[in-house]
Amino acid sequence: MIPFIKLKYIFYCLLVFDFLSLQAQENLDSLLKIAAQNNPGLKAKYDKYLADLQKVPQVGSLPDPDISFGFFIQPMELMSGNQIGQIQLMQMFPWFGTLKAAKDEASAMALSSFELFRAEKQDIFFNVRTNYFQLFLTQKQIHVYDTTLVLLKSIEQLLLTKQKTINISDVKETSPSNQLQNNNPSQGNNSMNMSSGNPQPAQQGMTQMNSRSMTGSSSAFSDLLRIQIEIKELEDNIALMQNRKQLLVIQINLLLNRTSDIEIFIPDSLNIPSYDFHNPTLFDSIKTNNPMLKMNKSDILAYQQRQRMNKKMGYPMIGMGLNYMLINKSEMSTSEMNGKDMLMPMLSVKIPIYRKKYNASIKEVQFLENSSNEQLNNAENMLFMEYSAYLFALNDAERKLSLYRDIISLTRKSFDLLLVQYSSSGADFDALIRLHRQLLDYKLNIYQALVDKLSAIAGLQKLLSKD
């Protein structure tokens, strides 16, 4: 038997292995793989491609042969006997190269469907990536809000303590014993001061002390209310981000075609793809690999092959066949061929006399080819516009990342110094709140810039079709 300690050790190892396996299954690459396997829209495009592949053997085959049977109700008398029936077989052959042109056209159309499938896959990958990055951003925003909430609550406790201290000092200053001590001078002086109609110096001091204590109490109470408002707004933002996180999880799971309540693991940091997206030859690679451009080129090739096929369809079609005649013996015939069946080879030619339909079909395909050429030019222009936008977003995000890192370092130092100063003297609370908001905004902005950079890279990957 295995000792209990070893069993316990094995059990913990299995738990750790399952946990690591779960994390490994929840990274971005695995989500993209699941999307490629399960997304119904992608499956539909792939099935369309497989269906178009089945057209190649259809259009590349010869027309079905014609076979006919005929029987005479009364045998027809011939020199060689009585014919009782005949069997005809005919096979038509298109002009040379027609079937090959049809197969080439079908193959080009199937390739166009495959490039459409690739484009759909890149769109789905882009949607999964951007939603995944937004989920990462939302999680980081919640973390920043939670950290800031802890800080604000510590300031709130500081203000509550300060408020209690002020209230206690107010009670001591307004107590009867303090008033008697302040009224300690002689009765004569008191009567003299009262008769002169001027307030006593002790009373003036007490009034000033009460005024200062009331002012300090009011200021501390005002600061406390403002910090509580900041806490309420922050808690509302956290609740909003939690709802947004649930929505993003639902969207990602739907892209993966699985139940919407499956949790998605988000790491603490995201890896930036190691690819030179600033390479000046990048757009040339995009034009070479982009599936939408390849699809348009496949359409042009298909129309060229159809045009060649339509031209050959305007040539004669040749048919070859056999005619087999069934003959019985005739008592009246003395021929040596009496009763022998006859076999007759046949040749037929289909002549395309009415040229309008053939000429119209050729012109139709020429217009379609011109349309595809214009679509290709337009797709290249739109692709360059999209490429320029993603490249601008990438450069802008990199600039913001560098800027926010420096600003956050300086703002954090200023905030820490001001917080220490406020804790000791209670001054510059407005400046403290402003710095707090700026620091919070900069922390959120740096994560937003990081996600913007990753989203721009995802857009360039989509154009480049680089998985």
Protein backbone atom coordinates (compact mmCIF):
# COMPACT_ATOMS: atom_id res chain seq x y z
CA MET A 1 0.00 0.00 0.00
CA ILE A 2 1.04 3.59 -0.67
CA PRO A 3 1.54 5.55 2.55
CA PHE A 4 -0.97 8.27 3.32
CA ILE A 5 1.67 11.00 3.05
CA LYS A 6 2.55 9.95 -0.48
CA LEU A 7 -1.13 9.87 -1.44
CA LYS A 8 -1.55 13.36 -0.04
CA TYR A 9 1.50 14.56 -1.96
CA ILE A 10 0.20 13.04 -5.20
CA PHE A 11 -3.21 14.63 -4.61
CA TYR A 12 -1.70 18.09 -4.18
CA CYS A 13 0.46 17.62 -7.27
CA LEU A 14 -2.63 16.75 -9.28
CA LEU A 15 -4.41 19.85 -7.99
CA VAL A 16 -1.47 22.04 -8.98
CA PHE A 17 -1.30 20.36 -12.38
CA ASP A 18 -5.01 20.93 -12.97
CA PHE A 19 -4.67 24.57 -11.93
CA LEU A 20 -1.75 25.12 -14.29
CA SER A 21 -3.58 23.29 -17.06
CA LEU A 22 -6.61 25.50 -16.54
CA GLN A 23 -4.46 28.60 -16.82
CA ALA A 24 -2.77 27.24 -19.91
CA GLN A 25 -6.15 26.65 -21.51
CA GLU A 26 -7.27 30.22 -20.86
CA ASN A 27 -4.52 32.15 -22.62
CA LEU A 28 -5.19 34.11 -25.77
CA ASP A 29 -3.71 31.59 -28.19
CA SER A 30 -5.91 28.81 -26.89
CA LEU A 31 -8.98 31.04 -27.18
CA LEU A 32 -8.10 31.76 -30.81
CA LYS A 33 -7.75 28.04 -31.46
CA ILE A 34 -11.15 27.35 -29.89
CA ALA A 35 -12.69 30.13 -31.99
CA ALA A 36 -11.18 28.67 -35.17
CA GLN A 37 -12.66 25.27 -34.35
CA ASN A 38 -16.07 26.24 -32.99
CA ASN A 39 -17.22 29.56 -34.47
CA PRO A 40 -20.35 28.86 -36.58
CA GLY A 41 -19.74 31.73 -39.00
CA LEU A 42 -16.26 30.39 -39.72
CA LYS A 43 -17.62 26.88 -40.16
CA ALA A 44 -20.17 28.20 -42.64
CA LYS A 45 -17.44 29.84 -44.73
CA TYR A 46 -15.36 26.68 -44.69
CA ASP A 47 -18.31 24.51 -45.75
CA LYS A 48 -18.94 26.99 -48.59
CA TYR A 49 -15.35 26.50 -49.71
CA LEU A 50 -15.72 22.69 -49.59
CA ALA A 51 -18.94 22.98 -51.61
CA ASP A 52 -17.23 25.08 -54.27
CA LEU A 53 -14.46 22.48 -54.51
CA GLN A 54 -17.08 19.92 -55.52
CA LYS A 55 -17.92 22.01 -58.59
CA VAL A 56 -14.53 21.27 -60.16
CA PRO A 57 -15.26 17.63 -61.09
CA GLN A 58 -18.78 18.59 -62.14
CA VAL A 59 -17.84 21.17 -64.75
CA GLY A 60 -14.77 19.20 -65.88
CA SER A 61 -16.72 16.12 -66.93
CA LEU A 62 -18.11 15.32 -70.36
CA PRO A 63 -21.85 15.69 -70.97
CA ASP A 64 -23.79 12.54 -70.22
CA PRO A 65 -24.13 10.26 -73.27
CA ASP A 66 -27.54 9.80 -74.92
CA ILE A 67 -28.83 6.29 -75.42
CA SER A 68 -32.17 5.49 -77.03
CA PHE A 69 -34.13 2.32 -77.79
CA GLY A 70 -36.69 1.83 -80.56
CA PHE A 71 -38.89 -1.17 -81.44
CA PHE A 72 -41.16 -1.61 -84.44
CA ILE A 73 -44.66 -2.82 -83.72
CA GLN A 74 -44.59 -4.45 -87.09
CA PRO A 75 -41.13 -5.46 -88.31
CA MET A 76 -39.81 -3.31 -91.14
CA GLU A 77 -38.84 -5.36 -94.20
CA LEU A 78 -35.34 -4.81 -95.46
CA MET A 79 -33.21 -6.51 -98.09
CA SER A 80 -31.32 -8.32 -95.38
CA GLY A 81 -34.28 -9.27 -93.24
CA ASN A 82 -36.91 -7.76 -90.98
CA GLN A 83 -35.81 -4.98 -88.66
CA ILE A 84 -37.52 -5.19 -85.27
CA GLY A 85 -35.71 -2.38 -83.43
CA GLN A 86 -32.59 -0.31 -82.97
CA ILE A 87 -30.34 1.05 -80.21
CA GLN A 88 -28.53 4.39 -80.51
CA LEU A 89 -25.70 5.72 -78.38
CA MET A 90 -24.34 9.28 -78.79
CA GLN A 91 -21.62 11.15 -76.88
CA MET A 92 -21.09 14.89 -77.41
CA PHE A 93 -17.60 16.42 -77.05
CA PRO A 94 -17.10 20.16 -76.42
CA TRP A 95 -14.43 22.01 -78.33
CA PHE A 96 -10.86 21.36 -77.31
CA GLY A 97 -9.94 23.14 -74.04
CA THR A 98 -13.51 23.95 -73.02
CA LEU A 99 -13.59 21.54 -70.11
CA LYS A 100 -10.16 22.63 -68.89
CA ALA A 101 -11.25 26.27 -68.90
CA ALA A 102 -14.38 25.32 -66.94
CA LYS A 103 -12.29 23.43 -64.36
CA ASP A 104 -9.88 26.34 -64.03
CA GLU A 105 -12.77 28.73 -63.46
CA ALA A 106 -14.30 26.48 -60.79
CA SER A 107 -10.92 26.09 -59.09
CA ALA A 108 -10.44 29.87 -59.04
CA MET A 109 -13.91 30.38 -57.56
CA ALA A 110 -13.15 27.76 -54.89
CA LEU A 111 -9.89 29.57 -54.11
CA SER A 112 -11.89 32.80 -53.79
CA SER A 113 -14.17 31.09 -51.27
CA PHE A 114 -11.12 29.87 -49.36
CA GLU A 115 -9.72 33.41 -49.15
CA LEU A 116 -13.12 34.59 -47.93
CA PHE A 117 -12.88 31.93 -45.24
CA ARG A 118 -9.42 33.22 -44.27
CA ALA A 119 -10.73 36.79 -44.12
CA GLU A 120 -13.58 35.66 -41.87
CA LYS A 121 -11.09 33.88 -39.62
CA GLN A 122 -8.96 37.00 -39.31
CA ASP A 123 -12.05 39.08 -38.47
CA ILE A 124 -13.02 36.62 -35.74
CA PHE A 125 -9.46 36.55 -34.39
CA PHE A 126 -9.46 40.36 -34.36
CA ASN A 127 -12.74 40.43 -32.44
CA VAL A 128 -11.49 37.86 -29.93
CA ARG A 129 -8.23 39.76 -29.44
CA THR A 130 -9.85 43.18 -29.00
CA ASN A 131 -12.49 41.86 -26.59
CA TYR A 132 -9.77 40.02 -24.67
CA PHE A 133 -7.73 43.23 -24.44
CA GLN A 134 -10.79 45.19 -23.31
CA LEU A 135 -11.40 42.54 -20.66
CA PHE A 136 -7.80 42.97 -19.51
CA LEU A 137 -8.30 46.74 -19.40
CA THR A 138 -11.51 46.38 -17.41
CA GLN A 139 -9.81 44.11 -14.90
CA LYS A 140 -6.95 46.59 -14.50
CA GLN A 141 -9.44 49.43 -14.06
CA ILE A 142 -11.17 47.50 -11.29
CA HIS A 143 -7.78 46.89 -9.65
CA VAL A 144 -6.87 50.59 -9.83
CA TYR A 145 -10.26 51.57 -8.45
CA ASP A 146 -9.96 49.06 -5.60
CA THR A 147 -6.49 50.33 -4.69
CA THR A 148 -7.68 53.93 -4.83
CA LEU A 149 -10.71 53.03 -2.75
CA VAL A 150 -8.47 51.71 0.02
CA LEU A 151 -6.49 54.97 -0.05
CA LEU A 152 -9.63 57.11 0.08
CA LYS A 153 -11.03 55.13 2.97
CA SER A 154 -7.78 55.62 4.88
CA ILE A 155 -8.11 59.38 4.29
CA GLU A 156 -11.73 59.13 5.43
CA GLN A 157 -10.61 57.51 8.68
CA LEU A 158 -8.05 60.28 9.12
CA LEU A 159 -10.78 62.90 8.69
CA LEU A 160 -13.11 61.09 11.07
CA THR A 161 -10.37 61.05 13.70
CA LYS A 162 -9.70 64.71 13.10
CA GLN A 163 -13.40 65.50 13.37
CA LYS A 164 -13.66 63.69 16.70
CA THR A 165 -10.59 65.56 18.02
CA ILE A 166 -12.11 68.90 17.08
CA ASN A 167 -15.43 68.01 18.73
CA ILE A 168 -13.68 67.01 21.97
CA SER A 169 -11.70 70.27 22.02
CA ASP A 170 -14.95 72.20 21.46
CA VAL A 171 -16.50 70.54 24.47
CA LYS A 172 -13.49 71.40 26.70
CA GLU A 173 -13.40 75.00 25.56
CA THR A 174 -17.11 75.58 26.24
CA SER A 175 -17.25 73.78 29.63
CA PRO A 176 -18.39 75.76 32.81
CA SER A 177 -15.00 75.39 34.54
CA ASN A 178 -13.23 77.03 31.60
CA GLN A 179 -15.75 79.85 31.64
CA LEU A 180 -15.18 80.45 35.43
CA GLN A 181 -11.42 80.50 34.86
CA ASN A 182 -11.84 83.01 32.09
CA ASN A 183 -14.01 85.18 34.45
CA ASN A 184 -11.44 85.17 37.32
CA PRO A 185 -10.72 88.98 37.47
CA SER A 186 -12.12 91.09 40.39
CA GLN A 187 -15.73 92.11 40.72
CA GLY A 188 -14.86 95.78 40.55
CA ASN A 189 -13.12 95.47 37.29
CA ASN A 190 -16.03 93.48 36.00
CA SER A 191 -18.49 96.14 37.03
CA MET A 192 -16.22 98.83 35.58
CA ASN A 193 -16.03 96.97 32.28
CA MET A 194 -19.75 96.37 32.29
CA SER A 195 -20.52 99.96 33.12
CA SER A 196 -18.27 101.20 30.34
CA GLY A 197 -20.22 99.06 27.87
CA ASN A 198 -17.10 97.34 26.43
CA PRO A 199 -16.73 93.55 26.31
CA GLN A 200 -14.36 91.93 28.72
CA PRO A 201 -10.99 90.68 27.38
CA ALA A 202 -11.71 87.17 28.65
CA GLN A 203 -14.97 87.13 26.78
CA GLN A 204 -13.22 88.30 23.61
CA GLY A 205 -10.66 85.49 23.89
CA MET A 206 -13.36 82.94 24.48
CA THR A 207 -15.28 84.18 21.42
CA GLN A 208 -12.20 83.97 19.21
CA MET A 209 -11.39 80.46 20.43
CA ASN A 210 -14.97 79.32 19.77
CA SER A 211 -14.85 80.89 16.31
CA ARG A 212 -11.58 79.12 15.45
CA SER A 213 -12.88 75.80 16.70
CA MET A 214 -16.11 76.17 14.74
CA THR A 215 -14.15 77.07 11.60
CA GLY A 216 -11.86 74.04 11.99
CA SER A 217 -14.80 71.77 12.66
CA SER A 218 -16.66 73.07 9.61
CA SER A 219 -13.57 72.65 7.37
CA ALA A 220 -12.93 69.10 8.58
CA PHE A 221 -16.58 68.18 8.13
CA SER A 222 -16.57 69.64 4.60
CA ASP A 223 -13.44 67.65 3.72
CA LEU A 224 -15.06 64.52 5.12
CA LEU A 225 -18.16 65.00 2.96
CA ARG A 226 -16.09 65.54 -0.15
CA ILE A 227 -13.99 62.44 0.41
CA GLN A 228 -17.17 60.41 1.02
CA ILE A 229 -18.54 61.68 -2.31
CA GLU A 230 -15.31 60.54 -3.99
CA ILE A 231 -15.73 57.12 -2.39
CA LYS A 232 -19.32 56.81 -3.61
CA GLU A 233 -18.33 57.73 -7.16
CA LEU A 234 -15.48 55.26 -7.06
CA GLU A 235 -17.75 52.45 -5.82
CA ASP A 236 -20.17 53.24 -8.64
CA ASN A 237 -17.33 53.02 -11.17
CA ILE A 238 -16.31 49.65 -9.76
CA ALA A 239 -19.88 48.35 -10.11
CA LEU A 240 -19.98 49.65 -13.70
CA MET A 241 -16.70 47.93 -14.54
CA GLN A 242 -17.95 44.68 -13.04
CA ASN A 243 -20.98 44.78 -15.33
CA ARG A 244 -18.79 45.59 -18.31
CA LYS A 245 -16.54 42.66 -17.44
CA GLN A 246 -19.52 40.29 -17.49
CA LEU A 247 -20.59 41.66 -20.89
CA LEU A 248 -17.12 41.13 -22.37
CA VAL A 249 -16.98 37.57 -21.03
CA ILE A 250 -20.32 36.87 -22.71
CA GLN A 251 -19.12 38.31 -26.02
CA ILE A 252 -15.91 36.29 -26.03
CA ASN A 253 -17.73 33.07 -25.17
CA LEU A 254 -20.24 33.67 -27.97
CA LEU A 255 -17.39 34.16 -30.43
CA LEU A 256 -16.08 30.81 -29.21
CA ASN A 257 -19.60 29.31 -29.55
CA ARG A 258 -19.80 28.12 -25.96
CA THR A 259 -21.94 28.91 -22.95
CA SER A 260 -21.74 32.52 -21.84
CA ASP A 261 -21.04 31.82 -18.15
CA ILE A 262 -17.61 30.23 -18.63
CA GLU A 263 -14.96 32.27 -16.84
CA ILE A 264 -12.01 33.59 -18.84
CA PHE A 265 -8.57 33.74 -17.29
CA ILE A 266 -6.84 37.11 -17.68
CA PRO A 267 -3.12 37.34 -16.75
CA ASP A 268 -1.55 40.24 -14.89
CA SER A 269 0.38 41.29 -17.99
CA LEU A 270 0.06 40.79 -21.72
CA ASN A 271 2.83 39.91 -24.14
CA ILE A 272 3.41 42.26 -27.05
CA PRO A 273 4.04 40.35 -30.33
CA SER A 274 7.67 40.53 -31.37
CA TYR A 275 7.27 41.74 -34.93
CA ASP A 276 8.63 44.82 -36.68
CA PHE A 277 5.36 46.59 -37.46
CA HIS A 278 7.29 49.77 -38.34
CA ASN A 279 9.07 48.09 -41.24
CA PRO A 280 8.59 50.25 -44.38
CA THR A 281 8.02 47.09 -46.47
CA LEU A 282 5.18 45.95 -44.24
CA PHE A 283 2.45 47.14 -46.59
CA ASP A 284 4.02 45.16 -49.44
CA SER A 285 3.71 42.06 -47.26
CA ILE A 286 0.11 42.98 -46.51
CA LYS A 287 -0.69 43.25 -50.23
CA THR A 288 0.92 39.87 -50.77
CA ASN A 289 -0.81 38.03 -47.91
CA ASN A 290 -4.11 39.82 -47.35
CA PRO A 291 -7.00 37.40 -48.03
CA MET A 292 -9.37 40.08 -49.37
CA LEU A 293 -6.89 41.07 -52.08
CA LYS A 294 -6.26 37.42 -52.85
CA MET A 295 -10.00 36.87 -53.14
CA ASN A 296 -10.33 39.69 -55.69
CA LYS A 297 -7.39 38.31 -57.66
CA SER A 298 -9.01 34.87 -57.66
CA ASP A 299 -12.23 36.39 -58.95
CA ILE A 300 -10.33 38.07 -61.79
CA LEU A 301 -8.66 34.78 -62.67
CA ALA A 302 -12.04 33.00 -62.60
CA TYR A 303 -13.60 35.56 -64.97
CA GLN A 304 -10.65 35.23 -67.34
CA GLN A 305 -11.14 31.46 -67.45
CA ARG A 306 -14.89 31.88 -67.92
CA GLN A 307 -14.26 34.24 -70.81
CA ARG A 308 -12.00 31.66 -72.41
CA MET A 309 -14.63 28.96 -71.82
CA ASN A 310 -17.43 31.08 -73.35
CA LYS A 311 -15.35 31.66 -76.45
CA LYS A 312 -14.84 27.94 -76.88
CA MET A 313 -18.53 27.32 -76.26
CA GLY A 314 -19.10 29.32 -79.46
CA TYR A 315 -17.19 26.71 -81.45
CA PRO A 316 -18.85 23.57 -82.88
CA MET A 317 -19.55 20.62 -80.61
CA ILE A 318 -18.78 17.21 -82.03
CA GLY A 319 -20.80 14.09 -81.29
CA MET A 320 -19.81 10.47 -81.91
CA GLY A 321 -22.04 7.43 -81.53
CA LEU A 322 -23.23 4.04 -82.69
CA ASN A 323 -26.52 2.80 -84.11
CA TYR A 324 -27.21 -0.90 -83.56
CA MET A 325 -30.09 -2.37 -85.59
CA LEU A 326 -31.80 -5.62 -84.59
CA ILE A 327 -32.77 -7.70 -87.68
CA ASN A 328 -34.57 -11.05 -87.93
CA LYS A 329 -34.35 -13.43 -90.87
CA SER A 330 -36.81 -13.07 -93.71
CA GLU A 331 -38.09 -16.08 -95.62
CA MET A 332 -38.32 -13.99 -98.76
CA SER A 333 -34.69 -12.80 -98.64
CA THR A 334 -31.87 -14.69 -100.32
CA SER A 335 -29.13 -12.26 -99.23
CA GLU A 336 -26.08 -13.48 -97.40
CA MET A 337 -26.76 -10.74 -94.77
CA ASN A 338 -30.21 -12.14 -94.07
CA GLY A 339 -30.90 -12.01 -90.32
CA LYS A 340 -27.62 -10.37 -89.38
CA ASP A 341 -27.71 -7.32 -87.06
CA MET A 342 -26.15 -4.13 -88.36
CA LEU A 343 -23.82 -1.65 -86.59
CA MET A 344 -23.56 1.87 -87.91
CA PRO A 345 -21.07 4.50 -86.56
CA MET A 346 -22.45 8.03 -86.38
CA LEU A 347 -20.92 11.48 -86.30
CA SER A 348 -22.82 14.67 -85.48
CA VAL A 349 -21.81 18.32 -85.29
CA LYS A 350 -23.59 21.01 -83.31
CA ILE A 351 -23.12 24.30 -85.15
CA PRO A 352 -23.52 27.49 -83.07
CA ILE A 353 -25.19 29.66 -85.68
CA TYR A 354 -26.94 32.20 -83.42
CA ARG A 355 -23.97 34.24 -82.30
CA LYS A 356 -25.70 36.93 -80.24
CA LYS A 357 -25.94 34.87 -77.07
CA TYR A 358 -22.30 33.80 -77.29
CA ASN A 359 -21.06 37.33 -77.94
CA ALA A 360 -23.23 38.64 -75.09
CA SER A 361 -21.86 36.03 -72.67
CA ILE A 362 -18.29 37.04 -73.57
CA LYS A 363 -19.02 40.74 -73.03
CA GLU A 364 -20.76 39.95 -69.74
CA VAL A 365 -17.64 38.28 -68.40
CA GLN A 366 -15.47 41.15 -69.66
CA PHE A 367 -17.55 43.61 -67.66
CA LEU A 368 -17.33 41.36 -64.61
CA GLU A 369 -13.55 41.21 -64.99
CA ASN A 370 -13.35 45.00 -65.24
CA SER A 371 -15.54 45.26 -62.15
CA SER A 372 -13.24 42.94 -60.23
CA ASN A 373 -10.20 44.96 -61.29
CA GLU A 374 -11.82 48.12 -59.96
CA GLN A 375 -12.77 46.31 -56.76
CA LEU A 376 -9.14 45.20 -56.40
CA ASN A 377 -7.90 48.78 -56.77
CA ASN A 378 -10.49 50.01 -54.29
CA ALA A 379 -9.62 47.22 -51.84
CA GLU A 380 -5.94 48.20 -52.00
CA ASN A 381 -6.83 51.83 -51.29
CA MET A 382 -9.11 50.91 -48.38
CA LEU A 383 -6.45 48.54 -47.11
CA PHE A 384 -3.84 51.29 -47.13
CA MET A 385 -6.24 53.61 -45.30
CA GLU A 386 -6.85 50.95 -42.65
CA TYR A 387 -3.13 50.20 -42.44
CA SER A 388 -2.33 53.91 -41.98
CA ALA A 389 -4.97 54.24 -39.25
CA TYR A 390 -3.63 51.24 -37.31
CA LEU A 391 -0.04 52.46 -37.71
CA PHE A 392 -1.02 55.92 -36.44
CA ALA A 393 -2.81 54.34 -33.47
CA LEU A 394 0.27 52.22 -32.73
CA ASN A 395 2.63 55.22 -32.78
CA ASP A 396 0.22 57.31 -30.72
CA ALA A 397 -0.15 54.57 -28.10
CA GLU A 398 3.63 54.11 -27.82
CA ARG A 399 4.06 57.87 -27.36
CA LYS A 400 1.37 57.96 -24.66
CA LEU A 401 2.90 55.00 -22.83
CA SER A 402 6.24 56.77 -22.56
CA LEU A 403 4.58 60.02 -21.50
CA TYR A 404 2.28 58.52 -18.86
CA ARG A 405 5.08 56.55 -17.23
CA ASP A 406 7.00 59.75 -16.56
CA ILE A 407 3.91 61.71 -15.46
CA ILE A 408 2.74 58.98 -13.08
CA SER A 409 6.14 58.90 -11.37
CA LEU A 410 6.11 62.66 -10.81
CA THR A 411 2.45 62.81 -9.79
CA ARG A 412 2.85 59.98 -7.29
CA LYS A 413 5.76 61.77 -5.60
CA SER A 414 3.77 65.02 -5.41
CA PHE A 415 0.73 63.21 -4.05
CA ASP A 416 2.73 61.42 -1.34
CA LEU A 417 4.33 64.69 -0.22
CA LEU A 418 1.00 66.50 -0.15
CA LEU A 419 -0.65 63.65 1.75
CA VAL A 420 2.03 63.83 4.46
CA GLN A 421 1.63 67.59 4.63
CA TYR A 422 -2.15 67.33 4.91
CA SER A 423 -1.89 64.67 7.62
CA SER A 424 0.22 67.00 9.74
CA SER A 425 -1.31 70.41 9.07
CA GLY A 426 -4.69 69.75 7.40
CA ALA A 427 -3.96 72.27 4.63
CA ASP A 428 -4.26 72.03 0.81
CA PHE A 429 -7.07 69.49 0.78
CA ASP A 430 -8.28 70.79 -2.61
CA ALA A 431 -4.85 70.25 -4.11
CA LEU A 432 -4.77 66.77 -2.58
CA ILE A 433 -8.08 65.86 -4.24
CA ARG A 434 -6.94 67.25 -7.59
CA LEU A 435 -3.70 65.29 -7.49
CA HIS A 436 -5.59 62.17 -6.51
CA ARG A 437 -7.88 62.49 -9.50
CA GLN A 438 -4.96 63.18 -11.83
CA LEU A 439 -3.05 60.17 -10.53
CA LEU A 440 -6.13 57.99 -10.96
CA ASP A 441 -6.64 59.25 -14.52
CA TYR A 442 -3.01 58.69 -15.44
CA LYS A 443 -3.07 55.14 -14.07
CA LEU A 444 -6.16 54.38 -16.15
CA ASN A 445 -4.71 56.13 -19.19
CA ILE A 446 -1.53 54.09 -19.19
CA TYR A 447 -3.54 50.85 -19.28
CA GLN A 448 -5.76 52.35 -21.99
CA ALA A 449 -2.66 53.23 -24.02
CA LEU A 450 -1.33 49.69 -23.61
CA VAL A 451 -4.63 48.21 -24.82
CA ASP A 452 -4.72 50.69 -27.71
CA LYS A 453 -1.26 49.54 -28.73
CA LEU A 454 -2.25 45.86 -28.58
CA SER A 455 -5.48 46.56 -30.49
CA ALA A 456 -3.53 48.39 -33.20
CA ILE A 457 -1.14 45.45 -33.46
CA ALA A 458 -4.14 43.11 -33.69
CA GLY A 459 -5.48 45.21 -36.56
CA LEU A 460 -2.14 45.00 -38.38
CA GLN A 461 -2.10 41.23 -37.78
CA LYS A 462 -5.56 41.03 -39.33
CA LEU A 463 -4.41 42.90 -42.43
CA LEU A 464 -1.24 40.85 -42.62
CA SER A 465 -3.12 37.60 -41.86
CA LYS A 466 -0.37 36.69 -39.41
CA ASP A 467 -1.63 34.32 -36.74
